């Protein structure tokens, strides 16, 4: 088992990438603290983990709030004794996120609060717990749009993921000699509820897919497998990197024939 006897905290684990990571990490031997604001989804993930014979507990937390992030880390240590893997995965993609002219300030603030400040707060309270455990792995979910402009305007989301990438690099350097690795995981377009609710027309979907050399949306489980590698000791000499899992999108920004 690749995560035998490890404890992982996964935010946004009530659905999508977070849920698939919780299930996979558990199968690989980790105890998992499932964190979300969606109590029904979070508890369902816990039930799925337990049904498969794994160990999991649920914690309600809004990652944009310092008290909630402090509480989720405390819950991981209370339930399982320590924290070895911090997966800052929670994020939103607001339906009214558009270009700079059209996007309301409130949409910008909400998106940055969850997607960027949420990673900062997760690390603020999670990294001391990793220190207490003797080290560990931090995985921050960024996006291919941190590297390329999005084909469909989403200025707040793009800016927030760029911030995640920059924070990841700096945190990796700061904590490298404390046996704490920090890496970013940058998915390409995925067939998740989050993206599909944003790409709500066939035209929007095709506008994204035309740039993906593999010609399809990724699956949440494919991203979870990449997260597993970064969480495990197999990536013991990897820190400060951006792990792109994007169907080739950033390698060749292709245009239609």
Protein backbone atom coordinates (compact mmCIF):
# COMPACT_ATOMS: atom_id res chain seq x y z
CA UNK A 1 0.00 0.00 0.00
CA UNK A 2 1.43 3.34 -1.07
CA UNK A 3 -0.01 5.37 1.84
CA UNK A 4 0.09 2.73 4.57
CA UNK A 5 -0.35 4.25 8.05
CA UNK A 6 -0.56 7.81 6.70
CA UNK A 7 -3.25 10.36 7.53
CA UNK A 8 -4.57 12.60 4.75
CA UNK A 9 -6.76 15.69 4.93
CA UNK A 10 -8.60 16.43 1.68
CA UNK A 11 -10.65 19.59 1.19
CA UNK A 12 -13.51 19.62 -1.30
CA UNK A 13 -13.80 15.86 -0.79
CA UNK A 14 -17.58 15.73 -1.04
CA UNK A 15 -17.42 15.38 -4.83
CA UNK A 16 -15.19 15.39 -7.89
CA UNK A 17 -11.42 15.13 -7.53
CA UNK A 18 -11.61 15.28 -3.74
CA UNK A 19 -13.99 12.34 -3.47
CA UNK A 20 -11.98 10.21 -5.89
CA UNK A 21 -8.80 11.05 -3.99
CA UNK A 22 -10.40 10.10 -0.68
CA UNK A 23 -11.46 6.73 -2.06
CA UNK A 24 -8.09 6.06 -3.70
CA UNK A 25 -5.99 7.23 -0.75
CA UNK A 26 -8.05 5.02 1.53
CA UNK A 27 -7.57 1.99 -0.70
CA UNK A 28 -3.83 2.68 -0.50
CA UNK A 29 -3.87 2.55 3.31
CA UNK A 30 -4.48 6.15 4.42
CA UNK A 31 -6.94 7.32 7.04
CA UNK A 32 -8.78 10.25 5.46
CA UNK A 33 -10.35 13.38 6.91
CA UNK A 34 -13.00 14.40 4.40
CA UNK A 35 -13.55 18.18 4.42
CA UNK A 36 -16.31 20.07 2.63
CA UNK A 37 -19.06 22.65 3.08
CA UNK A 38 -21.53 20.21 1.54
CA UNK A 39 -22.35 18.01 4.52
CA UNK A 40 -24.42 15.55 2.50
CA UNK A 41 -21.66 15.05 -0.06
CA UNK A 42 -18.94 14.86 2.56
CA UNK A 43 -20.76 12.29 4.66
CA UNK A 44 -21.53 10.29 1.53
CA UNK A 45 -17.80 10.16 0.73
CA UNK A 46 -17.07 8.95 4.26
CA UNK A 47 -19.72 6.26 3.91
CA UNK A 48 -18.20 5.14 0.60
CA UNK A 49 -14.74 4.91 2.16
CA UNK A 50 -16.02 2.93 5.13
CA UNK A 51 -18.10 0.63 2.92
CA UNK A 52 -14.88 -0.24 1.08
CA UNK A 53 -13.20 -1.07 4.38
CA UNK A 54 -11.30 2.18 4.87
CA UNK A 55 -11.04 4.71 7.67
CA UNK A 56 -12.53 8.18 7.29
CA UNK A 57 -14.19 10.99 9.22
CA UNK A 58 -16.01 14.13 8.09
CA UNK A 59 -15.35 17.73 9.05
CA UNK A 60 -17.43 20.69 7.87
CA UNK A 61 -15.14 23.58 6.99
CA UNK A 62 -15.28 26.69 4.81
CA UNK A 63 -11.66 26.99 3.67
CA UNK A 64 -11.98 30.77 3.29
CA UNK A 65 -12.34 31.08 7.10
CA UNK A 66 -9.30 30.82 9.36
CA UNK A 67 -11.23 29.27 12.24
CA UNK A 68 -12.61 26.52 10.03
CA UNK A 69 -9.16 25.68 8.64
CA UNK A 70 -7.68 25.57 12.12
CA UNK A 71 -10.55 23.31 13.14
CA UNK A 72 -10.17 20.86 10.26
CA UNK A 73 -6.48 20.33 11.03
CA UNK A 74 -7.31 19.81 14.69
CA UNK A 75 -9.98 17.29 13.65
CA UNK A 76 -7.46 15.29 11.62
CA UNK A 77 -5.11 15.07 14.59
CA UNK A 78 -7.94 14.32 17.02
CA UNK A 79 -9.45 11.56 14.88
CA UNK A 80 -6.27 9.94 13.58
CA UNK A 81 -3.40 11.18 15.75
CA UNK A 82 -1.41 13.16 13.19
CA UNK A 83 -1.37 14.63 9.68
CA UNK A 84 0.94 13.41 6.90
CA UNK A 85 -0.76 14.60 3.69
CA UNK A 86 -2.55 17.92 3.15
CA UNK A 87 -4.49 18.09 -0.12
CA UNK A 88 -5.78 21.65 -0.59
CA UNK A 89 -8.26 20.78 -3.29
CA UNK A 90 -11.42 22.80 -2.56
CA UNK A 91 -12.31 25.39 -5.18
CA UNK A 92 -15.12 27.09 -7.04
CA UNK A 93 -15.74 28.22 -10.60
CA UNK A 94 -18.43 30.89 -10.46
CA UNK A 95 -21.04 30.96 -13.23
CA UNK A 96 -20.73 34.76 -13.47
CA UNK A 97 -16.93 34.76 -13.68
CA UNK A 98 -16.15 36.38 -17.03
CA UNK A 99 -13.69 38.96 -18.36
CA UNK A 100 -12.41 41.88 -16.30
CA UNK A 101 -15.09 44.22 -17.62
CA UNK A 102 -18.05 41.95 -16.92
CA UNK A 103 -17.05 40.21 -13.68
CA UNK A 104 -18.51 41.71 -10.51
CA UNK A 105 -16.18 42.53 -7.65
CA UNK A 106 -18.17 40.20 -5.40
CA UNK A 107 -17.49 37.26 -7.77
CA UNK A 108 -13.78 38.13 -7.79
CA UNK A 109 -13.65 38.33 -3.98
CA UNK A 110 -15.52 35.06 -3.43
CA UNK A 111 -13.38 33.17 -5.95
CA UNK A 112 -10.07 34.45 -4.56
CA UNK A 113 -11.23 33.85 -0.98
CA UNK A 114 -11.92 30.17 -1.60
CA UNK A 115 -9.40 29.25 -4.29
CA UNK A 116 -6.37 31.27 -3.15
CA UNK A 117 -6.89 32.29 0.48
CA UNK A 118 -8.23 28.79 1.16
CA UNK A 119 -4.88 27.30 0.12
CA UNK A 120 -3.00 29.88 2.21
CA UNK A 121 -5.10 29.10 5.29
CA UNK A 122 -4.84 25.35 4.72
CA UNK A 123 -1.06 25.69 4.71
CA UNK A 124 -1.03 28.17 7.60
CA UNK A 125 -2.62 25.61 9.92
CA UNK A 126 -1.73 22.38 8.13
CA UNK A 127 2.03 22.80 7.80
CA UNK A 128 2.60 23.01 11.59
CA UNK A 129 0.71 19.70 11.88
CA UNK A 130 2.95 18.16 9.22
CA UNK A 131 5.94 19.39 11.22
CA UNK A 132 4.55 17.70 14.33
CA UNK A 133 4.31 14.47 12.35
CA UNK A 134 7.94 14.72 11.22
CA UNK A 135 7.18 15.98 7.72
CA UNK A 136 4.82 15.22 4.90
CA UNK A 137 3.33 16.25 1.57
CA UNK A 138 1.22 19.28 0.62
CA UNK A 139 -0.68 19.12 -2.67
CA UNK A 140 -2.39 22.28 -3.93
CA UNK A 141 -4.90 22.04 -6.77
CA UNK A 142 -4.07 24.68 -9.38
CA UNK A 143 -5.13 24.46 -13.04
CA UNK A 144 -3.75 24.60 -16.55
CA UNK A 145 -5.17 28.14 -16.70
CA UNK A 146 -2.45 29.20 -14.26
CA UNK A 147 -0.12 28.74 -17.23
CA UNK A 148 -2.36 29.57 -20.21
CA UNK A 149 -5.25 31.94 -20.75
CA UNK A 150 -8.63 30.21 -20.73
CA UNK A 151 -10.52 29.89 -24.00
CA UNK A 152 -13.70 30.81 -22.12
CA UNK A 153 -13.18 33.99 -20.02
CA UNK A 154 -12.95 33.34 -16.25
CA UNK A 155 -10.66 36.05 -14.93
CA UNK A 156 -11.12 35.43 -11.20
CA UNK A 157 -10.61 31.68 -11.48
CA UNK A 158 -7.51 32.10 -13.64
CA UNK A 159 -6.01 34.65 -11.26
CA UNK A 160 -6.75 32.47 -8.24
CA UNK A 161 -5.02 29.45 -9.76
CA UNK A 162 -2.02 31.55 -10.72
CA UNK A 163 -1.79 32.55 -7.06
CA UNK A 164 -1.90 28.88 -6.01
CA UNK A 165 1.00 28.09 -8.32
CA UNK A 166 3.10 30.99 -7.01
CA UNK A 167 2.36 30.11 -3.37
CA UNK A 168 3.29 26.49 -4.00
CA UNK A 169 6.74 27.41 -5.27
CA UNK A 170 7.49 29.71 -2.35
CA UNK A 171 6.19 27.29 0.31
CA UNK A 172 8.25 24.49 -1.22
CA UNK A 173 11.44 26.51 -0.86
CA UNK A 174 10.64 27.67 2.68
CA UNK A 175 9.84 24.22 4.03
CA UNK A 176 12.16 22.00 1.97
CA UNK A 177 14.57 21.35 4.86
CA UNK A 178 11.73 20.49 7.25
CA UNK A 179 10.93 17.28 5.34
CA UNK A 180 7.82 18.95 3.93
CA UNK A 181 7.21 18.81 0.20
CA UNK A 182 4.81 21.21 -1.52
CA UNK A 183 3.61 20.63 -5.07
CA UNK A 184 0.85 21.90 -7.32
CA UNK A 185 -1.45 19.64 -9.28
CA UNK A 186 -2.75 21.30 -12.45
CA UNK A 187 -5.62 19.47 -14.12
CA UNK A 188 -6.76 20.14 -17.64
CA UNK A 189 -10.48 20.35 -18.42
CA UNK A 190 -12.33 17.62 -16.51
CA UNK A 191 -15.70 15.96 -16.81
CA UNK A 192 -16.71 17.06 -13.32
CA UNK A 193 -19.86 18.79 -12.10
CA UNK A 194 -17.80 21.92 -11.37
CA UNK A 195 -16.63 22.42 -14.96
CA UNK A 196 -19.70 21.03 -16.70
CA UNK A 197 -21.92 23.52 -14.84
CA UNK A 198 -19.65 26.30 -16.13
CA UNK A 199 -19.44 24.93 -19.68
CA UNK A 200 -23.21 24.74 -19.83
CA UNK A 201 -23.64 24.65 -23.61
CA UNK A 202 -22.28 22.28 -26.22
CA UNK A 203 -20.55 25.22 -27.92
CA UNK A 204 -18.64 26.05 -24.71
CA UNK A 205 -17.64 22.41 -24.28
CA UNK A 206 -16.34 22.16 -27.83
CA UNK A 207 -14.46 25.44 -27.48
CA UNK A 208 -12.48 23.80 -24.68
CA UNK A 209 -12.09 20.37 -26.23
CA UNK A 210 -10.71 21.68 -29.50
CA UNK A 211 -7.53 22.66 -27.62
CA UNK A 212 -7.00 19.25 -25.99
CA UNK A 213 -4.82 16.97 -28.15
CA UNK A 214 -6.38 13.86 -26.57
CA UNK A 215 -9.80 15.17 -27.64
CA UNK A 216 -11.67 14.45 -24.41
CA UNK A 217 -12.26 15.77 -20.92
CA UNK A 218 -10.24 14.17 -18.14
CA UNK A 219 -11.79 12.16 -15.33
CA UNK A 220 -11.57 13.05 -11.64
CA UNK A 221 -10.06 9.64 -10.92
CA UNK A 222 -7.17 10.38 -13.29
CA UNK A 223 -6.30 13.46 -11.26
CA UNK A 224 -6.65 11.50 -8.03
CA UNK A 225 -4.03 9.03 -9.28
CA UNK A 226 -1.62 11.91 -9.88
CA UNK A 227 -2.35 13.23 -6.39
CA UNK A 228 -1.60 9.78 -4.98
CA UNK A 229 1.88 9.89 -6.50
CA UNK A 230 2.55 13.32 -4.97
CA UNK A 231 1.20 12.16 -1.61
CA UNK A 232 3.29 9.01 -1.53
CA UNK A 233 6.98 8.50 -0.78
CA UNK A 234 7.48 7.69 -4.47
CA UNK A 235 7.75 11.45 -5.04
CA UNK A 236 10.19 11.94 -2.15
CA UNK A 237 12.61 14.12 -4.18
CA UNK A 238 9.91 16.23 -5.81
CA UNK A 239 8.96 19.63 -4.41
CA UNK A 240 8.04 23.02 -5.84
CA UNK A 241 6.75 21.51 -9.07
CA UNK A 242 3.64 21.88 -11.17
CA UNK A 243 2.30 18.46 -12.12
CA UNK A 244 0.27 19.00 -15.30
CA UNK A 245 -2.38 16.38 -16.01
CA UNK A 246 -4.07 17.96 -18.99
CA UNK A 247 -4.34 15.59 -21.96
CA UNK A 248 -1.46 17.41 -23.65
CA UNK A 249 -3.19 20.79 -23.68
CA UNK A 250 -0.23 22.88 -22.51
CA UNK A 251 2.20 20.98 -24.75
CA UNK A 252 0.37 21.87 -27.95
CA UNK A 253 -2.32 24.48 -27.91
CA UNK A 254 -3.89 23.06 -31.04
CA UNK A 255 -6.43 24.68 -33.32
CA UNK A 256 -9.20 22.96 -35.31
CA UNK A 257 -8.39 21.57 -38.71
